Amino acid sequence: MRLLAPILLLPAIALADDDALLSRAMDWYVNGKYREAIDVAREVTTSDDEVSRQKAWRIVGSSACYLRDLPTVTEACPHLMNRSFVVSVCARNDIEIDRKCVAKAAPPRTPERDRCRLARERAAYWRKQGDLEKARRFGERAAAACAVDGN
């Protein structure tokens, strides 16, 4: 039985290493050192622990969004079970990710495009709140704004 004890500790040691690497990667990410964050997080992407792998790919994907590194975003996206965080970080950095996880530069932002997006978001908000009259009004505004923009 004594021989098994060190073997049973190996997964715990690996998880501790993963946590340390992820902590370092997150420090780089929070401090705006995105290339370094990607390099450190990549070491965890092959981990046996699914949670650690997901965290690592999320750091890789979101860091790549800040660097506008489209191939790396496209590489990270299929590995993520929940893509919403990376998609939102990329959207803030003018990168669109399609349903097939292909990243591309978003069209340039214009006041018309912003009015269209904002009206759509407000209509969805009021629809969710149950105020169908406000949702209808913002839906009409969205239709008018998006028609001008071509969306």
Protein backbone atom coordinates (compact mmCIF):
# COMPACT_ATOMS: atom_id res chain seq x y z
CA MET A 1 0.00 0.00 0.00
CA ARG A 2 2.87 2.39 0.65
CA LEU A 3 3.94 2.15 -2.97
CA LEU A 4 0.60 3.48 -4.20
CA ALA A 5 0.65 6.69 -2.18
CA PRO A 6 3.12 8.58 -4.44
CA ILE A 7 1.21 7.47 -7.52
CA LEU A 8 -2.05 8.80 -6.11
CA LEU A 9 -0.44 12.19 -5.49
CA LEU A 10 0.62 12.71 -9.12
CA PRO A 11 -2.74 14.10 -10.32
CA ALA A 12 -2.81 16.52 -7.39
CA ILE A 13 0.70 17.72 -8.25
CA ALA A 14 -0.29 18.16 -11.89
CA LEU A 15 -3.35 20.19 -10.86
CA ALA A 16 -1.20 22.37 -8.62
CA ASP A 17 1.17 23.00 -11.54
CA ASP A 18 -1.79 23.84 -13.78
CA ASP A 19 -3.16 26.25 -11.20
CA ALA A 20 0.20 27.95 -10.82
CA LEU A 21 0.58 28.33 -14.59
CA LEU A 22 -2.98 29.59 -14.98
CA SER A 23 -2.42 32.07 -12.17
CA ARG A 24 0.71 33.36 -13.89
CA ALA A 25 -1.10 33.52 -17.26
CA MET A 26 -3.97 35.45 -15.67
CA ASP A 27 -1.51 37.89 -14.11
CA TRP A 28 0.01 38.54 -17.53
CA TYR A 29 -3.47 38.91 -19.05
CA VAL A 30 -4.71 41.36 -16.41
CA ASN A 31 -1.55 43.44 -16.81
CA GLY A 32 -1.93 43.66 -20.59
CA LYS A 33 0.95 41.31 -21.44
CA TYR A 34 -1.18 39.26 -23.82
CA ARG A 35 1.61 37.51 -25.75
CA GLU A 36 3.14 36.28 -22.47
CA ALA A 37 -0.30 35.18 -21.23
CA ILE A 38 -0.78 33.11 -24.38
CA ASP A 39 2.64 31.50 -24.05
CA VAL A 40 2.06 30.46 -20.43
CA ALA A 41 -1.57 29.37 -20.93
CA ARG A 42 -0.61 27.17 -23.90
CA GLU A 43 1.34 24.99 -21.47
CA VAL A 44 -1.96 24.06 -19.77
CA THR A 45 -3.99 23.44 -22.95
CA THR A 46 -2.84 19.81 -22.99
CA SER A 47 -3.66 19.21 -19.30
CA ASP A 48 -5.63 16.14 -18.23
CA ASP A 49 -7.98 18.37 -16.24
CA GLU A 50 -10.84 19.67 -18.40
CA VAL A 51 -11.49 22.73 -16.20
CA SER A 52 -7.84 23.80 -16.45
CA ARG A 53 -7.87 23.28 -20.22
CA GLN A 54 -11.00 25.43 -20.56
CA LYS A 55 -9.46 28.23 -18.50
CA ALA A 56 -6.26 28.05 -20.53
CA TRP A 57 -8.09 28.22 -23.88
CA ARG A 58 -10.19 31.13 -22.59
CA ILE A 59 -7.01 33.04 -21.72
CA VAL A 60 -5.47 32.17 -25.10
CA GLY A 61 -8.57 33.25 -27.02
CA SER A 62 -9.24 36.49 -25.17
CA SER A 63 -5.56 37.48 -25.21
CA ALA A 64 -5.47 36.86 -28.95
CA CYS A 65 -8.50 39.15 -29.33
CA TYR A 66 -6.61 42.00 -27.69
CA LEU A 67 -3.65 41.32 -29.99
CA ARG A 68 -6.02 41.05 -32.99
CA ASP A 69 -4.35 37.71 -33.74
CA LEU A 70 -7.09 36.14 -35.87
CA PRO A 71 -5.42 32.72 -36.42
CA THR A 72 -4.96 32.21 -32.67
CA VAL A 73 -8.57 33.23 -31.94
CA THR A 74 -9.71 30.76 -34.61
CA GLU A 75 -7.51 28.07 -33.04
CA ALA A 76 -8.80 28.63 -29.49
CA CYS A 77 -12.50 28.92 -30.26
CA PRO A 78 -13.33 25.24 -31.05
CA HIS A 79 -11.76 24.13 -27.76
CA LEU A 80 -14.14 26.25 -25.67
CA MET A 81 -17.40 24.81 -24.35
CA ASN A 82 -18.69 28.32 -23.58
CA ARG A 83 -17.47 30.88 -26.09
CA SER A 84 -19.44 33.88 -24.84
CA PHE A 85 -16.56 35.53 -22.94
CA VAL A 86 -14.11 35.27 -25.84
CA VAL A 87 -16.79 36.39 -28.32
CA SER A 88 -17.53 39.49 -26.21
CA VAL A 89 -13.84 40.36 -25.77
CA CYS A 90 -13.32 39.98 -29.51
CA ALA A 91 -16.38 42.11 -30.29
CA ARG A 92 -14.91 44.91 -28.14
CA ASN A 93 -11.76 44.63 -30.25
CA ASP A 94 -13.63 44.68 -33.59
CA ILE A 95 -13.30 40.95 -34.29
CA GLU A 96 -16.27 38.82 -35.25
CA ILE A 97 -16.38 35.07 -34.62
CA ASP A 98 -18.84 33.12 -36.74
CA ARG A 99 -20.65 29.90 -35.78
CA LYS A 100 -17.84 27.81 -37.27
CA CYS A 101 -15.31 29.56 -34.99
CA VAL A 102 -13.64 31.52 -37.77
CA ALA A 103 -12.43 34.92 -36.60
CA LYS A 104 -12.44 37.87 -38.97
CA ALA A 105 -12.08 41.61 -38.69
CA ALA A 106 -15.42 43.29 -38.08
CA PRO A 107 -16.60 45.97 -40.49
CA PRO A 108 -15.57 49.47 -39.45
CA ARG A 109 -17.75 51.03 -36.78
CA THR A 110 -19.90 53.93 -37.86
CA PRO A 111 -22.46 56.00 -35.95
CA GLU A 112 -25.20 54.37 -38.05
CA ARG A 113 -23.96 50.86 -37.21
CA ASP A 114 -23.83 51.79 -33.51
CA ARG A 115 -27.39 53.18 -33.62
CA CYS A 116 -28.57 49.98 -35.30
CA ARG A 117 -26.86 47.75 -32.72
CA LEU A 118 -28.04 49.84 -29.77
CA ALA A 119 -31.66 49.88 -30.94
CA ARG A 120 -31.59 46.09 -31.41
CA GLU A 121 -30.15 45.61 -27.91
CA ARG A 122 -32.79 47.87 -26.36
CA ALA A 123 -35.60 46.09 -28.20
CA ALA A 124 -34.31 42.73 -26.96
CA TYR A 125 -34.02 44.09 -23.41
CA TRP A 126 -37.60 45.37 -23.32
CA ARG A 127 -38.89 42.17 -24.92
CA LYS A 128 -37.16 40.21 -22.16
CA GLN A 129 -38.65 42.54 -19.52
CA GLY A 130 -42.12 41.91 -20.92
CA ASP A 131 -42.77 45.50 -22.03
CA LEU A 132 -43.87 44.74 -25.58
CA GLU A 133 -44.80 48.34 -26.39
CA LYS A 134 -41.27 49.61 -25.71
CA ALA A 135 -39.87 46.55 -27.47
CA ARG A 136 -41.99 47.38 -30.54
CA ARG A 137 -40.87 51.03 -30.53
CA PHE A 138 -37.19 50.11 -30.29
CA GLY A 139 -37.72 47.39 -32.89
CA GLU A 140 -39.03 50.04 -35.29
CA ARG A 141 -36.05 52.28 -34.52
CA ALA A 142 -33.73 49.34 -35.11
CA ALA A 143 -35.38 48.58 -38.44
CA ALA A 144 -34.98 52.21 -39.54
CA ALA A 145 -31.37 52.50 -38.30
CA CYS A 146 -30.36 49.16 -39.78
CA ALA A 147 -31.96 50.00 -43.13
CA VAL A 148 -29.76 53.11 -43.35
CA ASP A 149 -26.71 51.05 -42.40
CA GLY A 150 -27.54 48.17 -44.72
CA ASN A 151 -27.86 45.54 -41.97
